[in-house]
N, C-alpha and C. Protein backbone atom coordinates (compact mmCIF):
# COMPACT_ATOMS: atom_id res chain seq x y z
N MET A 1 -53.35 26.51 62.07
CA MET A 1 -53.71 26.41 63.46
C MET A 1 -52.75 27.26 64.27
N ALA A 2 -53.27 28.06 65.16
CA ALA A 2 -52.45 28.95 65.98
C ALA A 2 -51.71 28.15 67.04
N GLU A 3 -50.60 28.70 67.52
CA GLU A 3 -49.82 28.04 68.56
C GLU A 3 -50.67 27.74 69.78
N THR A 4 -51.57 28.63 70.14
CA THR A 4 -52.42 28.39 71.30
C THR A 4 -53.35 27.20 71.07
N ASP A 5 -53.65 26.88 69.82
CA ASP A 5 -54.48 25.72 69.53
C ASP A 5 -53.67 24.43 69.62
N THR A 6 -52.40 24.45 69.24
CA THR A 6 -51.60 23.24 69.28
C THR A 6 -51.03 23.00 70.67
N ARG A 7 -50.95 24.02 71.50
CA ARG A 7 -50.47 23.91 72.87
C ARG A 7 -51.40 24.69 73.79
N PRO A 8 -52.65 24.23 73.90
CA PRO A 8 -53.64 25.03 74.63
C PRO A 8 -53.40 25.13 76.13
N LEU A 9 -52.46 24.35 76.65
CA LEU A 9 -52.22 24.39 78.09
C LEU A 9 -50.87 25.01 78.44
N ASP A 10 -50.30 25.74 77.49
CA ASP A 10 -48.99 26.35 77.72
C ASP A 10 -48.96 27.26 78.95
N HIS A 11 -50.08 27.87 79.30
CA HIS A 11 -50.10 28.75 80.47
C HIS A 11 -49.85 28.00 81.77
N LEU A 12 -49.96 26.67 81.75
CA LEU A 12 -49.71 25.85 82.93
C LEU A 12 -48.29 25.28 82.95
N ARG A 13 -47.58 25.44 81.85
CA ARG A 13 -46.24 24.88 81.72
C ARG A 13 -45.33 25.41 82.83
N TRP A 14 -44.53 24.51 83.37
CA TRP A 14 -43.56 24.76 84.45
C TRP A 14 -44.22 25.07 85.79
N GLN A 15 -45.56 25.10 85.83
CA GLN A 15 -46.26 25.33 87.09
C GLN A 15 -47.03 24.10 87.54
N ASN A 16 -47.65 23.42 86.58
CA ASN A 16 -48.53 22.30 86.91
C ASN A 16 -48.30 21.11 85.98
N ARG A 17 -48.59 19.94 86.53
CA ARG A 17 -48.78 18.76 85.70
C ARG A 17 -50.27 18.73 85.40
N VAL A 18 -50.65 18.13 84.30
CA VAL A 18 -52.06 18.14 83.91
C VAL A 18 -52.49 16.72 83.53
N ILE A 19 -53.63 16.33 84.04
CA ILE A 19 -54.28 15.10 83.56
C ILE A 19 -55.50 15.56 82.78
N VAL A 20 -55.52 15.20 81.49
CA VAL A 20 -56.65 15.52 80.62
C VAL A 20 -57.41 14.22 80.38
N VAL A 21 -58.68 14.23 80.75
CA VAL A 21 -59.54 13.06 80.54
C VAL A 21 -60.57 13.46 79.49
N MET A 22 -60.58 12.73 78.38
CA MET A 22 -61.48 13.05 77.27
C MET A 22 -62.44 11.89 77.03
N ALA A 23 -63.70 12.23 76.79
CA ALA A 23 -64.71 11.21 76.48
C ALA A 23 -65.80 11.86 75.65
N ALA A 24 -66.56 11.03 74.96
CA ALA A 24 -67.63 11.54 74.10
C ALA A 24 -68.73 12.21 74.91
N SER A 25 -69.00 11.68 76.11
CA SER A 25 -70.07 12.27 76.93
C SER A 25 -69.71 12.16 78.41
N GLY A 26 -70.40 12.95 79.20
CA GLY A 26 -70.15 12.96 80.63
C GLY A 26 -70.56 11.70 81.35
N ASP A 27 -71.40 10.88 80.70
CA ASP A 27 -71.81 9.62 81.34
C ASP A 27 -71.06 8.41 80.79
N ASP A 28 -69.98 8.65 80.05
CA ASP A 28 -69.13 7.57 79.56
C ASP A 28 -68.61 6.79 80.78
N PRO A 29 -68.81 5.47 80.84
CA PRO A 29 -68.40 4.69 82.01
C PRO A 29 -66.90 4.82 82.33
N ALA A 30 -66.06 4.91 81.32
CA ALA A 30 -64.62 5.06 81.56
C ALA A 30 -64.32 6.42 82.19
N LEU A 31 -65.00 7.46 81.74
CA LEU A 31 -64.82 8.79 82.32
C LEU A 31 -65.27 8.80 83.78
N VAL A 32 -66.43 8.25 84.04
CA VAL A 32 -66.96 8.19 85.40
C VAL A 32 -65.97 7.45 86.31
N GLU A 33 -65.44 6.34 85.84
CA GLU A 33 -64.48 5.55 86.63
C GLU A 33 -63.19 6.32 86.85
N GLN A 34 -62.68 6.98 85.81
CA GLN A 34 -61.43 7.75 85.96
C GLN A 34 -61.62 8.88 86.96
N GLU A 35 -62.73 9.58 86.88
CA GLU A 35 -63.00 10.65 87.83
C GLU A 35 -63.10 10.12 89.25
N ARG A 36 -63.74 8.96 89.43
CA ARG A 36 -63.86 8.34 90.75
C ARG A 36 -62.48 8.05 91.32
N ARG A 37 -61.62 7.46 90.50
CA ARG A 37 -60.27 7.10 90.96
C ARG A 37 -59.47 8.34 91.37
N LEU A 38 -59.62 9.41 90.64
CA LEU A 38 -58.84 10.61 90.93
C LEU A 38 -59.44 11.41 92.09
N ARG A 39 -60.76 11.43 92.19
CA ARG A 39 -61.42 12.14 93.30
C ARG A 39 -60.99 11.56 94.64
N ALA A 40 -60.73 10.26 94.67
CA ALA A 40 -60.33 9.60 95.91
C ALA A 40 -58.90 9.99 96.32
N ALA A 41 -58.18 10.68 95.47
CA ALA A 41 -56.78 11.01 95.73
C ALA A 41 -56.52 12.51 95.64
N THR A 42 -57.48 13.31 96.08
CA THR A 42 -57.39 14.76 95.92
C THR A 42 -56.13 15.36 96.53
N SER A 43 -55.77 14.95 97.73
CA SER A 43 -54.58 15.53 98.37
C SER A 43 -53.31 15.14 97.63
N ASP A 44 -53.26 13.93 97.09
CA ASP A 44 -52.10 13.50 96.31
C ASP A 44 -51.99 14.28 95.01
N LEU A 45 -53.12 14.63 94.41
CA LEU A 45 -53.11 15.45 93.20
C LEU A 45 -52.53 16.83 93.52
N ALA A 46 -53.00 17.43 94.60
CA ALA A 46 -52.53 18.76 94.99
C ALA A 46 -51.04 18.74 95.32
N GLU A 47 -50.59 17.70 96.02
CA GLU A 47 -49.18 17.58 96.40
C GLU A 47 -48.27 17.56 95.18
N ARG A 48 -48.77 17.03 94.07
CA ARG A 48 -47.97 16.91 92.85
C ARG A 48 -48.29 18.01 91.83
N ASP A 49 -49.00 19.03 92.27
CA ASP A 49 -49.33 20.17 91.41
C ASP A 49 -50.11 19.75 90.16
N ILE A 50 -51.06 18.84 90.34
CA ILE A 50 -51.82 18.32 89.20
C ILE A 50 -53.13 19.09 89.03
N VAL A 51 -53.36 19.54 87.81
CA VAL A 51 -54.63 20.13 87.40
C VAL A 51 -55.38 19.05 86.63
N LEU A 52 -56.62 18.81 86.98
CA LEU A 52 -57.45 17.80 86.32
C LEU A 52 -58.42 18.49 85.38
N ILE A 53 -58.31 18.14 84.11
CA ILE A 53 -59.20 18.69 83.09
C ILE A 53 -60.00 17.55 82.47
N THR A 54 -61.31 17.71 82.43
CA THR A 54 -62.15 16.75 81.72
C THR A 54 -62.77 17.46 80.52
N ALA A 55 -62.81 16.74 79.42
CA ALA A 55 -63.38 17.30 78.20
C ALA A 55 -64.32 16.28 77.58
N THR A 56 -65.58 16.67 77.46
CA THR A 56 -66.55 15.85 76.75
C THR A 56 -66.92 16.61 75.48
N LYS A 57 -67.85 16.09 74.74
CA LYS A 57 -68.18 16.72 73.46
C LYS A 57 -68.48 18.21 73.59
N ASN A 58 -69.23 18.58 74.63
CA ASN A 58 -69.68 19.97 74.73
C ASN A 58 -69.23 20.70 75.99
N ALA A 59 -68.43 20.08 76.85
CA ALA A 59 -68.09 20.73 78.10
C ALA A 59 -66.65 20.44 78.52
N VAL A 60 -66.07 21.43 79.18
CA VAL A 60 -64.73 21.28 79.76
C VAL A 60 -64.82 21.71 81.22
N THR A 61 -64.22 20.91 82.09
CA THR A 61 -64.08 21.32 83.48
C THR A 61 -62.60 21.31 83.84
N ILE A 62 -62.22 22.26 84.68
CA ILE A 62 -60.85 22.34 85.19
C ILE A 62 -60.96 22.29 86.70
N ASN A 63 -60.43 21.21 87.27
CA ASN A 63 -60.55 20.97 88.72
C ASN A 63 -62.00 21.09 89.18
N GLY A 64 -62.92 20.57 88.37
CA GLY A 64 -64.33 20.52 88.74
C GLY A 64 -65.16 21.73 88.37
N SER A 65 -64.52 22.81 87.91
CA SER A 65 -65.25 24.02 87.53
C SER A 65 -65.38 24.12 86.02
N VAL A 66 -66.57 24.45 85.55
CA VAL A 66 -66.82 24.58 84.11
C VAL A 66 -65.95 25.70 83.55
N SER A 67 -65.38 25.46 82.37
CA SER A 67 -64.51 26.44 81.73
C SER A 67 -64.85 26.57 80.25
N ASP A 68 -64.72 27.78 79.73
CA ASP A 68 -64.93 28.01 78.30
C ASP A 68 -63.66 27.81 77.50
N THR A 69 -62.52 27.97 78.14
CA THR A 69 -61.25 27.82 77.43
C THR A 69 -60.31 26.94 78.24
N PRO A 70 -59.60 26.08 77.61
CA PRO A 70 -59.69 25.78 76.18
C PRO A 70 -60.97 24.98 75.89
N SER A 71 -61.35 24.96 74.64
CA SER A 71 -62.55 24.22 74.25
C SER A 71 -62.24 22.73 74.20
N ALA A 72 -63.29 21.92 74.27
CA ALA A 72 -63.14 20.48 74.16
C ALA A 72 -62.51 20.10 72.82
N ASP A 73 -62.92 20.77 71.75
CA ASP A 73 -62.35 20.49 70.43
C ASP A 73 -60.86 20.80 70.39
N THR A 74 -60.46 21.91 70.99
CA THR A 74 -59.05 22.29 71.02
C THR A 74 -58.23 21.26 71.79
N LEU A 75 -58.74 20.81 72.93
CA LEU A 75 -58.03 19.80 73.71
C LEU A 75 -57.91 18.49 72.94
N ARG A 76 -59.00 18.09 72.31
CA ARG A 76 -58.98 16.84 71.56
C ARG A 76 -58.00 16.93 70.39
N GLN A 77 -57.99 18.06 69.68
CA GLN A 77 -57.05 18.22 68.56
C GLN A 77 -55.61 18.17 69.04
N ALA A 78 -55.35 18.73 70.20
CA ALA A 78 -53.99 18.80 70.70
C ALA A 78 -53.51 17.50 71.33
N TYR A 79 -54.41 16.76 71.99
CA TYR A 79 -53.95 15.63 72.81
C TYR A 79 -54.53 14.27 72.48
N ALA A 80 -55.66 14.20 71.77
CA ALA A 80 -56.23 12.89 71.45
C ALA A 80 -55.50 12.31 70.25
N GLU A 81 -55.35 11.02 70.26
CA GLU A 81 -54.72 10.36 69.12
C GLU A 81 -55.72 9.47 68.42
N GLY A 82 -56.35 10.02 67.40
CA GLY A 82 -57.15 9.23 66.48
C GLY A 82 -58.44 8.63 66.98
N THR A 83 -58.98 9.11 68.07
CA THR A 83 -60.25 8.56 68.52
C THR A 83 -61.10 9.66 69.15
N SER A 84 -62.39 9.50 69.03
CA SER A 84 -63.28 10.44 69.72
C SER A 84 -63.78 9.81 71.01
N GLY A 85 -63.31 8.59 71.31
CA GLY A 85 -63.71 7.90 72.53
C GLY A 85 -62.87 8.33 73.72
N PHE A 86 -62.86 7.50 74.73
CA PHE A 86 -62.17 7.81 75.98
C PHE A 86 -60.65 7.80 75.78
N GLN A 87 -60.01 8.81 76.36
CA GLN A 87 -58.55 8.86 76.47
C GLN A 87 -58.19 9.64 77.71
N VAL A 88 -57.11 9.24 78.34
CA VAL A 88 -56.56 10.00 79.45
C VAL A 88 -55.09 10.27 79.13
N VAL A 89 -54.66 11.52 79.37
CA VAL A 89 -53.32 11.94 79.02
C VAL A 89 -52.71 12.67 80.22
N LEU A 90 -51.49 12.27 80.57
CA LEU A 90 -50.73 12.97 81.60
C LEU A 90 -49.71 13.86 80.90
N ILE A 91 -49.75 15.14 81.23
CA ILE A 91 -48.82 16.11 80.65
C ILE A 91 -47.92 16.62 81.77
N GLY A 92 -46.62 16.53 81.55
CA GLY A 92 -45.67 16.97 82.56
C GLY A 92 -45.57 18.47 82.64
N LYS A 93 -44.85 18.94 83.64
CA LYS A 93 -44.65 20.39 83.80
C LYS A 93 -43.93 20.99 82.60
N ASP A 94 -43.17 20.17 81.88
CA ASP A 94 -42.47 20.66 80.69
C ASP A 94 -43.37 20.74 79.47
N GLY A 95 -44.62 20.32 79.61
CA GLY A 95 -45.58 20.37 78.51
C GLY A 95 -45.60 19.12 77.65
N GLY A 96 -44.75 18.16 77.95
CA GLY A 96 -44.70 16.92 77.17
C GLY A 96 -45.68 15.88 77.67
N VAL A 97 -46.17 15.06 76.75
CA VAL A 97 -47.07 13.97 77.10
C VAL A 97 -46.24 12.86 77.73
N LYS A 98 -46.59 12.47 78.95
CA LYS A 98 -45.85 11.45 79.71
C LYS A 98 -46.56 10.11 79.71
N LEU A 99 -47.87 10.13 79.52
CA LEU A 99 -48.67 8.91 79.52
C LEU A 99 -49.93 9.16 78.73
N ARG A 100 -50.32 8.16 77.96
CA ARG A 100 -51.57 8.22 77.21
C ARG A 100 -52.21 6.83 77.34
N ALA A 101 -53.49 6.79 77.68
CA ALA A 101 -54.17 5.51 77.84
C ALA A 101 -55.59 5.59 77.30
N ALA A 102 -56.09 4.46 76.83
CA ALA A 102 -57.45 4.37 76.29
C ALA A 102 -58.41 3.74 77.30
N ALA A 103 -57.93 3.54 78.53
CA ALA A 103 -58.75 2.99 79.61
C ALA A 103 -58.39 3.73 80.89
N PRO A 104 -59.26 3.73 81.89
CA PRO A 104 -58.95 4.42 83.13
C PRO A 104 -57.63 3.94 83.74
N VAL A 105 -56.93 4.88 84.37
CA VAL A 105 -55.62 4.61 84.98
C VAL A 105 -55.77 4.79 86.49
N ALA A 106 -55.18 3.89 87.24
CA ALA A 106 -55.20 4.01 88.70
C ALA A 106 -54.43 5.25 89.13
N ALA A 107 -54.93 5.95 90.13
CA ALA A 107 -54.26 7.14 90.63
C ALA A 107 -52.82 6.81 91.03
N ASP A 108 -52.62 5.68 91.68
CA ASP A 108 -51.26 5.30 92.11
C ASP A 108 -50.32 5.12 90.93
N ASP A 109 -50.84 4.71 89.78
CA ASP A 109 -49.99 4.58 88.59
C ASP A 109 -49.53 5.96 88.10
N PHE A 110 -50.42 6.94 88.14
CA PHE A 110 -50.02 8.31 87.81
C PHE A 110 -48.93 8.77 88.77
N PHE A 111 -49.17 8.55 90.07
CA PHE A 111 -48.25 9.07 91.09
C PHE A 111 -46.89 8.39 91.00
N ALA A 112 -46.87 7.08 90.74
CA ALA A 112 -45.60 6.38 90.62
C ALA A 112 -44.80 6.93 89.44
N LEU A 113 -45.47 7.15 88.33
CA LEU A 113 -44.79 7.71 87.16
C LEU A 113 -44.27 9.11 87.45
N ILE A 114 -45.11 9.96 88.00
CA ILE A 114 -44.70 11.33 88.33
C ILE A 114 -43.54 11.32 89.32
N ASP A 115 -43.64 10.50 90.35
CA ASP A 115 -42.61 10.47 91.39
C ASP A 115 -41.27 9.96 90.88
N SER A 116 -41.28 9.28 89.74
CA SER A 116 -40.02 8.79 89.16
C SER A 116 -39.36 9.84 88.26
N MET A 117 -40.06 10.91 87.97
CA MET A 117 -39.52 11.94 87.07
C MET A 117 -38.48 12.81 87.79
N PRO A 118 -37.42 13.19 87.09
CA PRO A 118 -36.37 14.01 87.72
C PRO A 118 -36.89 15.29 88.36
N MET A 119 -37.80 15.98 87.72
CA MET A 119 -38.32 17.23 88.28
C MET A 119 -39.03 16.97 89.60
N ARG A 120 -39.83 15.93 89.67
CA ARG A 120 -40.55 15.59 90.90
C ARG A 120 -39.57 15.17 91.99
N ARG A 121 -38.53 14.44 91.61
CA ARG A 121 -37.54 14.01 92.60
C ARG A 121 -36.84 15.23 93.20
N ARG A 122 -36.60 16.24 92.37
CA ARG A 122 -36.02 17.49 92.90
C ARG A 122 -37.01 18.19 93.83
N GLU A 123 -38.30 18.19 93.45
CA GLU A 123 -39.31 18.82 94.31
C GLU A 123 -39.37 18.13 95.67
N ILE A 124 -39.31 16.83 95.66
CA ILE A 124 -39.35 16.07 96.92
C ILE A 124 -38.11 16.40 97.74
N GLY A 125 -36.95 16.50 97.08
CA GLY A 125 -35.71 16.84 97.78
C GLY A 125 -35.76 18.24 98.35
N ASP A 126 -36.36 19.19 97.62
CA ASP A 126 -36.48 20.57 98.08
C ASP A 126 -37.40 20.68 99.29
N ALA A 127 -38.37 19.78 99.37
CA ALA A 127 -39.35 19.83 100.46
C ALA A 127 -38.80 19.27 101.75
N SER A 128 -37.70 18.52 101.68
CA SER A 128 -37.15 17.88 102.88
C SER A 128 -36.43 18.87 103.76
């Protein structure tokens, strides 16, 4: 497996945090709920430099736009742990997995975790 397959989001490293939402299909109830929770917090996502990627069996979207790369299979191989069902993964700017869940996560839970990270605390300090 090529490095780009094991780290398909390396081009976002040090620039963005990434939330990857994976589900078997676009009508998976957990996926629909996770998207609803995050759509309601669009400005908070932007403030924290978050890119939202959804991957279903045959489609990938990045911030709502259909994308050919990375493929859904590549994302699942890199970030899913042992299931083809629903998973949500938060990837930090350093490229490390910060949170993995098998059920939808509240947007505020993502933000609280991100805001507690040293890099985010520096960003907040720089913005003051």
